[in-house]
Protein backbone atom coordinates (compact mmCIF):
# COMPACT_ATOMS: atom_id res chain seq x y z
CA MET A 1 -11.03 -5.04 -4.57
CA ASP A 2 -11.89 -6.60 -1.23
CA PRO A 3 -10.24 -5.36 2.02
CA LYS A 4 -9.25 -8.98 2.80
CA GLU A 5 -7.32 -9.15 -0.50
CA ILE A 6 -5.36 -6.03 0.42
CA GLU A 7 -4.69 -7.45 3.90
CA ALA A 8 -3.43 -10.72 2.41
CA LYS A 9 -1.19 -8.90 -0.06
CA LEU A 10 0.36 -6.71 2.65
CA LEU A 11 0.84 -9.64 5.05
CA ALA A 12 2.51 -11.69 2.29
CA ALA A 13 4.86 -8.85 1.28
CA LEU A 14 5.77 -7.28 4.63
CA PRO A 15 6.76 -8.59 8.09
CA LEU A 16 3.64 -7.24 9.79
CA GLU A 17 2.52 -8.27 13.24
CA ALA A 18 -1.01 -7.13 12.45
CA CYS A 19 -2.82 -5.61 9.50
CA TYR A 20 -6.36 -4.26 9.36
CA VAL A 21 -7.98 -2.98 6.19
CA LYS A 22 -11.43 -1.54 5.82
CA GLY A 23 -13.16 0.32 3.04
CA GLU A 24 -15.14 -0.24 -0.10
CA GLY A 25 -15.07 0.56 -3.77
CA SER A 26 -11.59 1.99 -4.31
CA HIS A 27 -11.15 3.82 -0.97
CA PHE A 28 -9.45 1.98 1.89
CA GLN A 29 -8.01 2.56 5.35
CA VAL A 30 -4.98 0.51 6.43
CA ILE A 31 -3.63 0.01 9.93
CA ALA A 32 -0.29 -1.81 9.92
CA VAL A 33 1.71 -2.90 12.96
CA SER A 34 5.38 -3.91 12.77
CA ASP A 35 8.73 -3.38 14.46
CA MET A 36 10.09 -2.30 11.07
CA PHE A 37 8.33 1.08 11.46
CA GLU A 38 10.48 1.92 14.53
CA ASP A 39 12.84 4.50 12.96
CA MET A 40 10.92 5.32 9.79
CA SER A 41 9.58 8.74 8.89
CA ARG A 42 5.87 9.03 8.18
CA VAL A 43 6.59 9.25 4.43
CA LYS A 44 8.82 6.15 4.51
CA LYS A 45 6.09 4.20 6.37
CA GLN A 46 3.57 5.16 3.69
CA GLN A 47 5.97 4.23 0.87
CA THR A 48 6.55 0.84 2.52
CA ILE A 49 2.80 0.13 2.63
CA TYR A 50 2.20 1.47 -0.90
CA ALA A 51 4.96 -0.65 -2.48
CA PRO A 52 3.17 -4.06 -2.53
CA LEU A 53 -0.01 -2.34 -3.80
CA MET A 54 1.49 -0.34 -6.69
CA GLU A 55 -0.11 -2.54 -9.34
CA GLU A 56 -3.60 -1.95 -7.92
CA ILE A 57 -2.92 1.77 -7.44
CA ALA A 58 -1.64 2.10 -11.03
CA ALA A 59 -4.73 0.26 -12.32
CA ASN A 60 -6.92 2.55 -10.16
CA THR A 61 -8.33 -0.50 -8.37
CA ILE A 62 -7.19 1.35 -5.27
CA HIS A 63 -7.88 5.05 -5.65
CA ALA A 64 -7.41 6.30 -2.09
CA LEU A 65 -5.44 4.73 0.74
CA SER A 66 -5.35 6.11 4.25
CA ILE A 67 -2.43 4.60 6.18
CA LYS A 68 -1.66 4.40 9.88
CA ALA A 69 1.55 2.55 10.69
CA PHE A 70 2.50 1.71 14.26
CA THR A 71 5.21 -0.19 16.11
CA PRO A 72 3.77 -2.86 18.45
CA GLN A 73 4.49 -0.55 21.41
CA GLN A 74 2.67 2.38 19.77
CA TRP A 75 -0.20 0.07 18.80
CA GLN A 76 -0.68 -0.97 22.44
CA LYS A 77 -1.37 2.70 23.25
CA GLU A 78 -3.26 3.56 20.05
CA LYS A 79 -5.52 0.58 19.46
CA ILE A 80 -8.19 1.85 21.86
CA PHE A 81 -8.64 4.86 19.55
CA ASN A 82 -8.18 2.96 16.28
CA GLN A 83 -10.23 -0.20 16.76
CA PRO A 84 -11.02 -1.74 13.40
CA SER A 85 -14.77 -2.07 13.07
């Protein structure tokens, strides 16, 4: 699966302000930015990102997913350290 496909799927399913996916094979890193993460626990944020990708995870198309979820305010502070390459 291509990182752009994962990005498109997440952007279509969730109200994200920004989404960055990198990786290859079946291992990917996701950075998602949205106001909806404001009061969510870390686990709830991960479940929210996993949900639209369950089919690919079940089929083992996506084997490992590293997730960082930020609110837009957090992203303003964090993006210097988490620049997508």
